[in-house]
Protein backbone atom coordinates (compact mmCIF):
# COMPACT_ATOMS: atom_id res chain seq x y z
CA MET A 1 0.00 0.00 0.00
CA THR A 2 1.48 3.38 -1.03
CA THR A 3 1.65 6.56 1.04
CA TRP A 4 -1.05 8.10 -1.14
CA THR A 5 -3.39 5.15 -0.62
CA ARG A 6 -2.93 5.26 3.16
CA LEU A 7 -3.65 9.00 3.26
CA VAL A 8 -6.76 8.66 1.10
CA ARG A 9 -8.18 5.90 3.31
CA CYS A 10 -8.05 8.24 6.29
CA LEU A 11 -10.51 10.52 4.45
CA LEU A 12 -13.11 7.85 3.67
CA PRO A 13 -16.57 7.76 5.25
CA PRO A 14 -17.51 4.63 7.24
CA PRO A 15 -17.64 1.51 5.06
CA GLN A 16 -20.86 0.08 3.65
CA THR A 17 -20.10 -3.61 3.29
CA ILE A 18 -21.96 -6.61 1.88
CA GLN A 19 -20.40 -10.06 2.20
CA LEU A 20 -21.23 -13.30 0.43
CA LYS A 21 -21.20 -16.11 2.99
CA HIS A 22 -22.22 -19.66 2.06
CA GLY A 23 -24.42 -18.44 -0.75
CA HIS A 24 -26.13 -15.74 1.31
CA TYR A 25 -25.55 -11.99 1.06
CA GLU A 26 -25.10 -10.33 4.45
CA THR A 27 -25.05 -6.56 5.00
CA ASP A 28 -22.88 -5.32 7.83
CA PRO A 29 -24.91 -3.20 10.29
CA ASP A 30 -24.58 0.57 10.13
CA LEU A 31 -22.31 2.17 12.71
CA SER A 32 -23.87 3.82 15.73
CA THR A 33 -23.22 7.51 16.41
CA MET A 34 -20.53 6.63 18.96
CA GLN A 35 -18.87 4.18 16.56
CA LYS A 36 -18.81 6.87 13.88
CA VAL A 37 -17.13 9.29 16.32
CA VAL A 38 -14.50 6.67 17.14
CA TYR A 39 -14.02 5.91 13.42
CA TYR A 40 -13.47 9.55 12.44
CA THR A 41 -11.24 10.26 15.46
CA LYS A 42 -9.04 7.27 14.72
CA ASN A 43 -8.75 8.31 11.05
CA PHE A 44 -7.86 11.89 12.03
CA PHE A 45 -4.94 10.89 14.25
CA THR A 46 -3.80 8.28 11.74
CA LEU A 47 -3.76 10.97 9.05
CA ILE A 48 -1.61 13.26 11.23
CA ALA A 49 0.83 10.44 11.91
CA LEU A 50 1.06 9.50 8.25
CA LEU A 51 1.73 13.11 7.24
CA LEU A 52 4.59 13.29 9.75
CA VAL A 53 6.31 10.19 8.37
CA SER A 54 5.39 10.79 4.72
CA PRO A 55 8.85 12.12 3.72
CA LEU A 56 10.29 8.70 4.55
CA THR A 57 7.45 6.63 3.12
CA LEU A 58 7.46 8.60 -0.13
CA ILE A 59 11.16 7.80 -0.59
CA TYR A 60 10.37 4.14 0.05
CA ASP A 61 7.48 4.26 -2.48
CA TYR A 62 9.79 5.74 -5.10
CA PHE A 63 12.34 2.95 -4.91
CA ALA A 64 9.76 0.20 -4.41
CA HIS A 65 7.91 1.35 -7.52
CA LYS A 66 10.90 0.77 -9.80
CA LYS A 67 10.22 -2.10 -12.12
CA ILE A 68 12.36 -5.22 -11.81
CA THR A 69 12.89 -7.31 -14.92
CA VAL A 70 12.33 -10.99 -14.26
CA HIS A 71 13.88 -13.44 -16.69
CA GLN A 72 11.59 -16.42 -16.98
CA ARG A 73 12.93 -19.80 -18.03
CA GLU A 74 11.47 -21.09 -21.26
CA PRO A 75 9.18 -24.09 -20.70
CA ASP A 76 10.57 -27.49 -21.68
CA ILE A 77 7.52 -28.13 -23.83
CA ALA A 78 6.16 -25.24 -25.89
CA PRO A 79 2.39 -24.73 -25.51
CA PRO A 80 0.28 -25.28 -28.62
CA GLN A 81 0.01 -22.31 -30.94
CA PRO A 82 -3.44 -20.71 -30.93
CA THR A 83 -5.28 -20.48 -34.21
CA TRP A 84 -5.86 -17.18 -35.92
CA PRO A 85 -8.32 -15.69 -36.55
CA PRO A 86 -10.35 -16.89 -33.55
CA GLU A 87 -13.22 -19.31 -34.07
CA TYR A 88 -15.72 -16.59 -33.06
CA ARG A 89 -15.27 -13.32 -34.95
CA GLY A 90 -17.67 -10.64 -35.96
CA PHE A 91 -19.33 -7.51 -34.60
CA ALA A 92 -20.78 -6.22 -31.35
CA SER A 93 -23.92 -4.10 -31.40
CA SER A 94 -26.77 -2.74 -29.28
CA GLY A 95 -30.46 -2.94 -30.16
CA LEU A 96 -31.10 0.56 -28.83
CA GLN A 97 -28.24 2.07 -30.81
CA THR A 98 -28.88 0.23 -34.06
CA SER A 99 -32.67 0.10 -34.11
CA GLY A 100 -33.91 2.41 -31.34
CA LEU A 101 -35.59 -0.52 -29.59
CA GLY A 102 -37.42 0.60 -26.47
CA THR A 103 -38.02 4.15 -27.69
CA LYS A 104 -40.80 5.94 -29.55
CA TRP A 105 -38.40 6.31 -32.49
CA SER A 106 -37.84 2.56 -32.88
CA ALA A 107 -37.33 1.39 -36.46
CA THR A 108 -38.98 -1.93 -35.57
CA PRO A 109 -42.71 -1.16 -35.39
CA HIS A 110 -45.38 -2.30 -32.93
CA LEU A 111 -43.11 -3.25 -30.00
CA LYS A 112 -44.70 -1.83 -26.87
CA GLY A 113 -41.95 -1.71 -24.27
CA LYS A 114 -40.15 1.52 -23.39
CA CYS A 115 -36.67 1.84 -21.92
CA ASP A 116 -35.02 4.47 -19.72
CA TRP A 117 -33.58 6.22 -22.80
CA ASP A 118 -37.05 6.97 -24.23
CA LYS A 119 -37.79 9.95 -21.97
CA TRP A 120 -34.09 10.84 -21.64
CA MET A 121 -33.83 11.43 -25.39
CA ASP A 122 -36.83 13.77 -25.30
CA ILE A 123 -34.44 16.46 -24.05
CA PRO A 124 -32.34 17.57 -27.07
CA ALA A 125 -29.36 18.55 -24.90
CA HIS A 126 -28.87 14.91 -23.90
CA VAL A 127 -27.78 13.84 -27.39
CA ILE A 128 -25.44 15.72 -29.73
CA HIS A 129 -27.12 16.34 -33.07
CA ALA A 130 -27.19 18.66 -36.05
CA GLU A 131 -29.92 21.22 -36.62
CA GLY A 132 -33.05 19.72 -38.14
CA PHE A 133 -32.14 16.17 -37.13
CA ASP A 134 -34.64 13.35 -36.68
CA TYR A 135 -33.92 10.39 -34.41
CA LYS A 136 -35.41 8.18 -37.10
CA ASP A 137 -32.34 8.95 -39.21
CA PHE A 138 -30.22 7.02 -36.71
CA PHE A 139 -32.09 3.74 -36.68
CA THR A 140 -32.40 0.68 -38.95
CA ASP A 141 -34.98 -2.09 -38.63
CA ILE A 142 -33.09 -5.37 -38.33
CA LEU A 143 -35.58 -7.68 -36.61
CA SER A 144 -38.54 -7.38 -39.03
CA ASN A 145 -36.52 -8.71 -41.96
CA PRO A 146 -32.90 -9.58 -41.14
CA THR A 147 -32.09 -11.13 -44.54
CA ALA A 148 -29.96 -8.29 -45.94
CA TYR A 149 -28.27 -7.74 -42.59
CA ILE A 150 -27.22 -11.38 -42.34
CA LYS A 151 -25.98 -11.32 -45.94
CA MET A 152 -23.81 -8.37 -44.95
CA LEU A 153 -22.45 -10.32 -41.98
CA LYS A 154 -21.61 -13.27 -44.23
CA SER A 155 -19.85 -10.96 -46.68
CA GLN A 156 -17.65 -9.88 -43.75
CA ASN A 157 -16.72 -13.53 -43.02
CA THR A 158 -18.50 -13.19 -39.69
CA THR A 159 -18.87 -16.35 -37.60
CA ALA A 160 -20.39 -14.77 -34.46
CA LEU A 161 -22.47 -11.74 -33.50
CA ARG A 162 -22.70 -10.14 -30.06
CA PHE A 163 -25.96 -8.22 -29.75
CA SER A 164 -28.21 -7.03 -26.94
CA LEU A 165 -31.49 -8.58 -25.94
CA GLU A 166 -33.52 -5.49 -25.16
CA TRP A 167 -35.17 -6.22 -21.82
CA SER A 168 -37.65 -3.35 -22.27
CA VAL A 169 -39.30 -4.88 -25.34
CA ILE A 170 -39.17 -8.49 -24.08
CA GLU A 171 -40.73 -7.58 -20.70
CA PRO A 172 -42.59 -4.29 -21.26
CA GLN A 173 -44.29 -4.61 -17.87
CA PRO A 174 -43.07 -6.47 -14.77
CA GLY A 175 -43.65 -10.18 -15.26
CA LYS A 176 -45.37 -9.79 -18.66
CA ILE A 177 -43.58 -11.13 -21.74
CA ASP A 178 -44.29 -9.66 -25.19
CA GLU A 179 -44.60 -12.74 -27.39
CA LYS A 180 -44.28 -10.67 -30.57
CA ALA A 181 -40.86 -9.39 -29.50
CA VAL A 182 -39.85 -12.92 -28.53
CA ALA A 183 -40.93 -14.21 -31.95
CA LEU A 184 -38.89 -11.53 -33.76
CA TYR A 185 -35.78 -12.38 -31.76
CA ARG A 186 -36.31 -16.13 -32.27
CA THR A 187 -36.53 -15.65 -36.02
CA PHE A 188 -33.39 -13.53 -35.98
CA ILE A 189 -31.51 -16.13 -33.92
CA ASP A 190 -32.70 -18.97 -36.19
CA GLN A 191 -31.48 -17.14 -39.29
CA LEU A 192 -28.13 -16.44 -37.67
CA LEU A 193 -27.70 -20.11 -36.82
CA GLU A 194 -28.76 -21.16 -40.33
CA ALA A 195 -26.02 -18.87 -41.66
CA LYS A 196 -23.54 -20.53 -39.25
CA ILE A 197 -23.23 -17.33 -37.19
CA THR A 198 -23.14 -18.01 -33.45
CA PRO A 199 -25.29 -15.60 -31.40
CA PHE A 200 -23.73 -14.09 -28.25
CA ILE A 201 -26.39 -12.22 -26.28
CA THR A 202 -25.77 -9.31 -23.90
CA LEU A 203 -28.58 -9.10 -21.33
CA CYS A 204 -28.01 -5.49 -20.21
CA HIS A 205 -26.20 -3.11 -22.54
CA PHE A 206 -26.49 0.27 -20.76
CA VAL A 207 -30.31 0.04 -21.08
CA VAL A 208 -33.10 -1.08 -18.70
CA PRO A 209 -36.90 -1.02 -18.96
CA GLU A 210 -38.59 2.22 -18.01
CA TRP A 211 -40.52 0.45 -15.22
CA PHE A 212 -37.27 -0.97 -13.78
CA TYR A 213 -35.61 2.44 -13.96
CA GLU A 214 -38.52 4.15 -12.23
CA SER A 215 -38.52 1.51 -9.49
CA GLY A 216 -34.98 2.52 -8.50
CA ASN A 217 -32.80 0.82 -11.14
CA PHE A 218 -29.72 -0.88 -9.69
CA LEU A 219 -29.56 1.61 -6.84
CA LYS A 220 -32.15 -0.58 -5.10
CA THR A 221 -30.74 -3.86 -3.81
CA GLU A 222 -34.15 -5.51 -4.12
CA ASN A 223 -34.02 -4.98 -7.90
CA ILE A 224 -31.10 -7.40 -8.22
CA ASP A 225 -33.45 -10.38 -8.17
CA ARG A 226 -35.68 -8.80 -10.84
CA PHE A 227 -32.74 -8.72 -13.24
CA VAL A 228 -31.69 -12.28 -12.43
CA GLN A 229 -35.24 -13.52 -12.93
CA PHE A 230 -35.39 -11.84 -16.34
CA ALA A 231 -32.01 -13.27 -17.35
CA LEU A 232 -33.01 -16.82 -16.45
CA ARG A 233 -36.37 -16.37 -18.20
CA ALA A 234 -34.52 -15.18 -21.32
CA MET A 235 -32.44 -18.35 -21.33
CA GLU A 236 -35.66 -20.37 -21.21
CA LEU A 237 -37.19 -18.32 -24.05
CA PHE A 238 -34.12 -18.69 -26.28
CA PRO A 239 -32.76 -22.20 -25.62
CA LYS A 240 -30.73 -22.27 -28.85
CA VAL A 241 -28.43 -19.54 -27.53
CA LYS A 242 -25.60 -21.00 -25.47
CA ASP A 243 -23.40 -17.91 -25.08
CA TRP A 244 -24.47 -15.04 -22.81
CA TRP A 245 -23.07 -11.89 -21.25
CA SER A 246 -24.68 -10.43 -18.14
CA PHE A 247 -23.63 -6.78 -18.41
CA ASN A 248 -21.84 -4.50 -20.81
CA GLU A 249 -19.14 -2.52 -18.94
CA ILE A 250 -20.55 -2.34 -15.42
CA GLY A 251 -18.19 0.43 -14.29
CA ILE A 252 -18.71 2.58 -17.37
CA LYS A 253 -22.51 2.58 -17.04
CA SER A 254 -22.21 3.95 -13.51
CA PHE A 255 -19.51 6.44 -14.53
CA GLN A 256 -21.67 7.84 -17.34
CA GLN A 257 -24.66 8.12 -15.00
CA MET A 258 -22.46 10.00 -12.53
CA ARG A 259 -21.42 12.38 -15.34
CA GLY A 260 -25.07 12.89 -16.27
CA VAL A 261 -24.74 11.78 -19.91
CA TYR A 262 -26.76 8.56 -19.45
CA PRO A 263 -30.17 8.37 -17.72
CA THR A 264 -29.33 9.23 -14.13
CA ASP A 265 -30.48 7.38 -11.01
CA LEU A 266 -30.62 10.68 -9.08
CA PRO A 267 -32.42 13.94 -9.88
CA GLN A 268 -30.46 16.17 -12.22
CA GLY A 269 -28.58 18.78 -10.23
CA SER A 270 -27.64 16.35 -7.45
CA SER A 271 -24.29 17.04 -5.81
CA LEU A 272 -21.10 15.35 -6.99
CA SER A 273 -20.88 13.53 -3.66
CA ARG A 274 -24.33 11.98 -4.07
CA ARG A 275 -23.65 11.04 -7.68
CA VAL A 276 -20.35 9.34 -6.88
CA HIS A 277 -21.89 7.43 -3.98
CA ALA A 278 -24.84 6.31 -6.13
CA ALA A 279 -22.47 5.12 -8.85
CA GLY A 280 -20.60 2.96 -6.35
CA ILE A 281 -23.83 1.41 -5.08
CA SER A 282 -25.10 0.72 -8.63
CA THR A 283 -21.83 -0.91 -9.66
CA ARG A 284 -21.79 -3.08 -6.55
CA ASN A 285 -25.38 -4.17 -7.11
CA MET A 286 -24.70 -5.05 -10.75
CA LEU A 287 -21.73 -7.14 -9.61
CA MET A 288 -23.98 -8.90 -7.11
CA ALA A 289 -26.54 -9.50 -9.86
CA HIS A 290 -23.85 -11.01 -12.06
CA CYS A 291 -22.67 -13.28 -9.24
CA ARG A 292 -26.20 -14.52 -8.54
CA LEU A 293 -26.79 -15.14 -12.25
CA HIS A 294 -23.46 -16.97 -12.54
CA GLN A 295 -24.43 -19.33 -9.71
CA ALA A 296 -27.96 -19.89 -11.05
CA VAL A 297 -26.76 -20.63 -14.60
CA ALA A 298 -24.15 -23.11 -13.34
CA LYS A 299 -26.93 -25.06 -11.58
CA ARG A 300 -29.87 -24.72 -13.97
CA PHE A 301 -28.24 -24.45 -17.40
CA PRO A 302 -24.98 -26.43 -17.42
CA ASP A 303 -24.89 -26.21 -21.22
CA ARG A 304 -24.80 -22.37 -21.16
CA LYS A 305 -21.96 -19.97 -20.44
CA VAL A 306 -22.41 -16.50 -18.99
CA GLY A 307 -19.62 -13.92 -18.79
CA VAL A 308 -19.27 -10.21 -18.21
CA THR A 309 -17.59 -7.55 -20.34
CA HIS A 310 -15.24 -5.02 -18.78
CA GLN A 311 -13.88 -1.79 -20.23
CA TRP A 312 -10.11 -1.42 -19.75
CA LEU A 313 -10.40 2.35 -19.29
CA LYS A 314 -7.01 3.33 -17.93
CA MET A 315 -5.78 6.88 -18.43
CA ASP A 316 -2.41 8.22 -19.54
CA THR A 317 -1.15 11.79 -19.03
CA ALA A 318 0.05 14.42 -21.52
CA LYS A 319 2.58 16.23 -19.30
CA GLY A 320 2.67 14.12 -16.16
CA ASN A 321 1.91 16.99 -13.78
CA TRP A 322 0.13 16.28 -10.50
CA LEU A 323 -3.26 17.49 -11.79
CA GLU A 324 -3.11 15.09 -14.71
CA LYS A 325 -1.95 12.25 -12.50
CA LEU A 326 -4.75 12.90 -10.05
CA SER A 327 -7.36 13.00 -12.83
CA ALA A 328 -6.02 9.82 -14.44
CA TYR A 329 -5.85 8.09 -11.06
CA TYR A 330 -9.48 8.77 -10.17
CA VAL A 331 -10.93 8.00 -13.60
CA THR A 332 -9.06 4.68 -13.62
CA LYS A 333 -10.10 4.01 -10.01
CA PHE A 334 -13.72 4.77 -10.87
CA CYS A 335 -14.08 2.90 -14.16
CA PHE A 336 -11.53 0.11 -14.11
CA THR A 337 -9.88 -0.88 -10.84
CA PRO A 338 -12.80 -1.83 -8.52
CA VAL A 339 -14.46 -4.20 -11.02
CA TYR A 340 -11.18 -5.71 -12.17
CA GLN A 341 -10.00 -6.28 -8.60
CA PHE A 342 -13.28 -7.98 -7.73
CA PHE A 343 -12.89 -10.59 -10.44
CA LYS A 344 -9.24 -11.04 -9.55
CA GLU A 345 -9.44 -11.16 -5.74
CA GLY A 346 -13.10 -11.29 -4.73
CA ARG A 347 -13.20 -7.81 -3.20
CA TYR A 348 -14.92 -4.75 -4.65
CA SER A 349 -13.66 -1.54 -3.04
CA PHE A 350 -15.14 1.73 -4.25
CA GLU A 351 -13.33 4.37 -2.21
CA PHE A 352 -13.51 8.14 -2.72
CA PRO A 353 -12.56 10.66 -0.02
CA PHE A 354 -15.56 12.13 1.85
CA MET A 355 -17.98 10.54 -0.67
CA ALA A 356 -17.98 6.74 -0.83
CA ASN A 357 -16.57 3.68 0.91
CA ILE A 358 -18.52 0.80 -0.59
CA GLN A 359 -17.34 -2.79 -0.23
CA PHE A 360 -18.48 -6.15 -1.58
CA VAL A 361 -16.47 -9.09 -0.26
CA VAL A 362 -16.46 -12.80 -1.10
CA PRO A 363 -14.33 -15.06 1.15
CA LYS A 364 -11.42 -16.65 -0.70
CA GLU A 365 -12.68 -20.24 -0.49
CA GLU A 366 -16.13 -19.32 -1.78
CA PHE A 367 -14.58 -17.12 -4.46
CA GLU A 368 -12.44 -20.02 -5.67
CA ASP A 369 -15.35 -22.49 -5.48
CA ASN A 370 -17.29 -20.24 -7.87
CA ASN A 371 -14.33 -19.93 -10.30
CA HIS A 372 -14.06 -16.19 -9.58
CA PHE A 373 -17.62 -15.84 -10.94
CA LEU A 374 -16.16 -15.88 -14.44
CA MET A 375 -17.02 -18.45 -17.05
CA ARG A 376 -15.42 -16.01 -19.49
CA ILE A 377 -14.21 -12.40 -19.51
CA GLY A 378 -15.01 -9.95 -22.26
CA VAL A 379 -12.26 -7.40 -22.91
CA GLN A 380 -13.43 -4.03 -24.21
CA ALA A 381 -10.54 -1.76 -25.06
CA TYR A 382 -9.53 1.40 -26.89
CA PRO A 383 -6.00 1.83 -25.53
CA MET A 384 -5.27 4.29 -24.07
CA PRO A 385 -6.94 7.68 -23.50
CA MET A 386 -4.65 10.58 -22.62
CA VAL A 387 -5.73 13.42 -20.34
CA LYS A 388 -4.41 16.98 -20.55
CA VAL A 389 -4.82 19.23 -17.50
CA GLY A 390 -3.04 22.53 -16.99
CA LEU A 391 -1.62 25.52 -18.82
CA THR A 392 -1.52 25.34 -22.60
CA ARG A 393 1.42 27.82 -22.89
CA GLY A 394 0.24 28.69 -26.39
CA GLN A 395 0.31 25.07 -27.59
CA THR A 396 -2.55 23.77 -29.72
CA TYR A 397 -3.87 20.45 -28.40
CA PRO A 398 -6.31 18.25 -30.34
CA GLY A 399 -9.49 17.72 -28.38
CA ILE A 400 -13.23 18.08 -28.01
CA GLU A 401 -15.07 21.29 -27.12
CA GLY A 402 -12.27 23.80 -27.18
CA ILE A 403 -9.36 22.09 -25.45
CA ARG A 404 -7.26 24.00 -27.98
CA ASN A 405 -5.75 27.45 -27.52
CA ARG A 406 -6.89 28.12 -23.98
CA PHE A 407 -4.95 29.41 -21.02
CA PHE A 408 -5.95 26.43 -18.87
CA THR A 409 -7.56 23.31 -20.23
CA MET A 410 -8.74 19.84 -19.28
CA GLY A 411 -9.78 17.03 -21.58
CA ALA A 412 -8.79 14.08 -23.73
CA THR A 413 -5.97 14.70 -26.20
CA CYS A 414 -2.97 12.96 -27.79
CA GLU A 415 0.79 13.28 -27.85
CA PRO A 416 2.62 15.45 -30.46
CA GLY A 417 2.32 13.79 -33.85
CA GLY A 418 -0.54 11.61 -32.63
CA VAL A 419 -4.17 11.10 -33.59
CA LEU A 420 -7.27 11.58 -31.42
CA MET A 421 -10.56 9.81 -32.12
CA ARG A 422 -13.74 11.86 -31.75
CA PHE A 423 -15.16 9.79 -28.89
CA GLY A 424 -12.04 10.32 -26.77
CA PRO A 425 -9.20 7.77 -26.99
CA ARG A 426 -6.04 8.35 -28.98
CA TRP A 427 -4.32 5.91 -31.29
CA ARG A 428 -2.13 3.56 -29.26
CA ALA A 429 -2.42 -0.02 -30.50
CA SER A 430 0.63 -1.09 -28.49
CA GLY A 431 -1.45 -0.68 -25.33
CA MET A 432 -3.31 -3.90 -26.19
CA ASP A 433 -0.38 -5.94 -24.85
CA GLU A 434 -0.74 -4.67 -21.28
CA ILE A 435 -4.52 -5.01 -21.43
CA LEU A 436 -4.34 -8.63 -22.55
CA ASP A 437 -1.71 -9.45 -19.94
CA GLU A 438 -4.10 -8.23 -17.25
CA ALA A 439 -7.08 -10.04 -18.80
CA PHE A 440 -5.29 -13.39 -18.82
CA GLU A 441 -4.38 -12.91 -15.15
CA LEU A 442 -8.07 -13.45 -14.38
CA LYS A 443 -7.67 -17.13 -15.36
CA ALA A 444 -10.84 -17.22 -17.45
CA PRO A 445 -11.33 -17.67 -21.21
CA VAL A 446 -10.67 -14.32 -22.87
CA TYR A 447 -12.87 -12.81 -25.57
CA ILE A 448 -12.31 -9.37 -27.05
CA THR A 449 -15.94 -8.34 -27.02
CA GLU A 450 -15.35 -4.78 -28.24
CA TYR A 451 -12.54 -2.98 -30.02
CA GLY A 452 -12.41 -0.72 -33.01
CA SER A 453 -11.69 2.67 -34.53
CA ASP A 454 -13.59 5.90 -35.03
CA ALA A 455 -13.58 7.24 -38.59
CA LYS A 456 -13.84 10.79 -37.25
CA ILE A 457 -10.37 11.85 -36.13
CA GLN A 458 -8.20 14.86 -35.45
CA LYS A 459 -4.51 14.67 -36.23
CA TRP A 460 -1.97 16.70 -34.31
CA GLY A 461 -1.75 20.14 -35.89
CA ASN A 462 -5.22 20.05 -37.46
CA SER A 463 -7.85 22.49 -36.23
CA ARG A 464 -10.87 20.17 -36.24
CA PHE A 465 -12.16 16.63 -36.43
CA LYS A 466 -13.00 15.18 -39.84
CA ILE A 467 -14.12 11.88 -41.36
CA ASP A 468 -11.18 9.85 -42.70
CA ASP A 469 -12.24 6.37 -43.82
CA GLU A 470 -8.71 5.33 -44.79
CA ALA A 471 -7.45 6.31 -41.34
CA GLN A 472 -10.17 4.20 -39.71
CA ALA A 473 -9.09 1.18 -41.74
CA TYR A 474 -5.41 1.82 -40.98
CA TYR A 475 -5.89 1.94 -37.21
CA LEU A 476 -8.27 -1.03 -37.20
CA GLN A 477 -5.52 -2.96 -38.95
CA GLN A 478 -3.00 -1.88 -36.32
CA LEU A 479 -5.27 -3.03 -33.50
CA THR A 480 -6.15 -6.35 -35.13
CA GLU A 481 -2.59 -7.24 -35.99
CA ARG A 482 -1.39 -6.23 -32.53
CA ILE A 483 -3.93 -8.65 -31.01
CA ARG A 484 -2.96 -11.38 -33.46
CA ASP A 485 0.76 -10.94 -32.80
CA TYR A 486 0.19 -10.98 -29.04
CA SER A 487 -1.76 -14.24 -29.24
CA LEU A 488 0.79 -15.98 -31.44
CA ARG A 489 3.79 -14.66 -29.48
CA THR A 490 2.45 -15.61 -26.04
CA SER A 491 0.59 -18.78 -27.13
CA ARG A 492 -2.49 -17.42 -25.36
CA GLU A 493 -5.74 -18.21 -27.12
CA ILE A 494 -8.22 -15.40 -27.67
CA LYS A 495 -11.58 -17.12 -28.00
CA GLY A 496 -13.47 -14.39 -29.82
CA LEU A 497 -12.95 -11.08 -31.59
CA PHE A 498 -15.84 -8.60 -31.93
CA CYS A 499 -15.43 -5.24 -33.64
CA TRP A 500 -17.55 -2.28 -32.52
CA SER A 501 -19.60 -1.87 -34.57
CA ASP A 502 -21.25 -2.85 -37.84
CA LEU A 503 -23.69 -0.17 -39.08
CA ARG A 504 -22.87 3.54 -39.26
CA ARG A 505 -26.53 4.48 -39.16
CA GLN A 506 -26.82 4.35 -35.39
CA LEU A 507 -26.85 6.36 -32.18
CA GLU A 508 -23.48 6.59 -30.42
CA TRP A 509 -25.11 7.23 -27.04
CA GLU A 510 -24.74 10.87 -25.94
CA ASN A 511 -22.51 11.58 -28.95
CA GLY A 512 -25.40 11.11 -31.35
CA HIS A 513 -24.00 10.93 -34.88
CA GLU A 514 -20.77 12.80 -34.10
CA CYS A 515 -18.72 9.58 -33.98
CA LYS A 516 -18.41 7.05 -36.77
CA LEU A 517 -17.39 3.78 -35.13
CA GLY A 518 -19.50 1.69 -37.52
CA ILE A 519 -17.71 0.33 -40.57
CA VAL A 520 -20.59 -0.51 -42.96
CA GLU A 521 -22.92 2.04 -44.59
CA PRO A 522 -26.43 0.51 -44.63
CA ILE A 523 -28.90 1.16 -47.42
CA VAL A 524 -32.50 1.28 -46.16
CA ASN A 525 -35.93 1.51 -47.74
CA GLU A 526 -38.80 3.80 -46.75
CA LYS A 527 -39.67 1.45 -43.88
CA ARG A 528 -36.11 1.81 -42.57
CA GLN A 529 -35.44 -1.84 -43.31
CA MET A 530 -31.96 -2.70 -44.51
CA ILE A 531 -31.95 -3.69 -48.20
CA GLY A 532 -28.23 -3.38 -48.96
CA TRP A 533 -24.97 -1.88 -47.85
CA THR A 534 -21.93 0.03 -49.03
CA PRO A 535 -18.53 -1.23 -47.83
CA THR A 536 -15.83 1.10 -46.46
CA PRO A 537 -12.06 0.64 -46.42
CA ALA A 538 -12.39 -0.62 -42.82
CA SER A 539 -15.04 -3.19 -43.72
CA LYS A 540 -12.95 -4.43 -46.65
CA TYR A 541 -9.96 -4.85 -44.37
CA LEU A 542 -11.94 -6.63 -41.67
CA ALA A 543 -13.60 -9.01 -44.14
CA ASN A 544 -10.12 -10.07 -45.21
CA ALA A 545 -8.82 -10.29 -41.64
CA TYR A 546 -11.81 -12.46 -40.64
CA ARG A 547 -11.13 -15.04 -43.33
CA PRO A 548 -9.69 -18.38 -42.19
CA GLU A 549 -5.96 -18.34 -41.57
CA GLU A 550 -4.89 -20.01 -44.77
CA ALA A 551 -6.78 -17.44 -46.87
CA SER A 552 -6.04 -14.27 -44.90
CA SER A 553 -3.02 -12.01 -45.24
CA CYS A 554 -4.43 -9.39 -42.83
CA SER A 555 -3.48 -6.52 -45.08
CA LEU A 556 -5.23 -3.48 -46.47
CA THR A 557 -4.03 -4.21 -49.98
CA ALA A 558 -5.16 -7.82 -50.16
């Protein structure tokens, strides 16, 4: 534990702890007034003591932090080489983003259920858009007639598709299943299987039913069972699907709610302290929901696998000053560290000075007995965002919303000579190595469930973002080949590879149509049904990269 960590822990409020013991979840009792006085008094004197000895402990931290190179002996027998490309390869997508499912603007008609984004999107400021826009311009009807869509997937040499099962349209009211929505999804799944495309279903992809949201969302512990019940019911409704994901990026959903760019669990205008605390509770409850689902699936559906996807959002700094380091530290601690540490060690610790001290603990033996609650881990990565905080000193930094040419600035940027993608990360394909090292430390099968490149970029020295399809293809190639080379070099098998995302005609959450992460231009008819598509340089590259090994050269010119 570093000096900084010890100091921060002295500033935490009393812990709120839930423990898993012998299959039961136990909440530690709240501290009495006297216990709180003792807690704060102890922390105060500990803080004073730590400050007095900090000159010595900081010196120790400096030398202890130095990396030591360990030379590992080569194994006597080389492990088998993994195949490339992986058996499962294709796209990841969201039904809300692609088709508007669960909203009044849905491209798939006559589905009754509404999600939490329906009312959220009524407020124009919540989604970036051009003047005179129509939400209908974002969405494409896939479920009514998926024929052209599946032909597009086959043309991309796709063998698997990760997509969301929109809870809001399957269960539009508590306990009531919409059979029409079920039938549409069943037809879609059947056609995927007929085309030899394996469906991978995400149960909660940043979206919940409106009724669930209004009942308290994941802030309410009692709602955990409602999600688990839906998930198990979904597995009964769609028995042909063997591959499931509980949540898409648990930590990121809570982070975006805290920022106020996704439907928020608290009234708008709530204090930062309340928002941070609520985010910690929501993340913990989603982890608990995943754990309960993991245990239930292992018992009831031994032929199914359920995993969770995690965003490797770790920040880098532009200048390395203390403001940048502090910003990077807390964003990483918010979005990445607590969830990752839970699946590695069985302890979720969400700790922010004066705001949150939320713990979820599983004893080691029970954690091991449940295989770390991971049948598989989904890696979601855009390595690695860089934060700029401080004086600009006349320097022009690429970035969103005026990070350039200001006396003092804060925001995502890139290094000199670099490239920044519109939705935030910079180009840094080499960062995939560290991410995959950490993923394989979790000792579960590894799937890359989301990676990709924005076609809207800003190069160092340019004054604005612009669409560059060739640049998108170039960086997608860098990422893909970096992943391939890592797998072949380390003999670690990556089970699946899913690019985000397929269609450009979609909503990129709060960014609206500002980003262009899709790599295929859909052609739609007057009913917004897909009837064809136009390839891009990125889609041409990926189609080649997804071909079987003997036929693929993984090159833009092939």
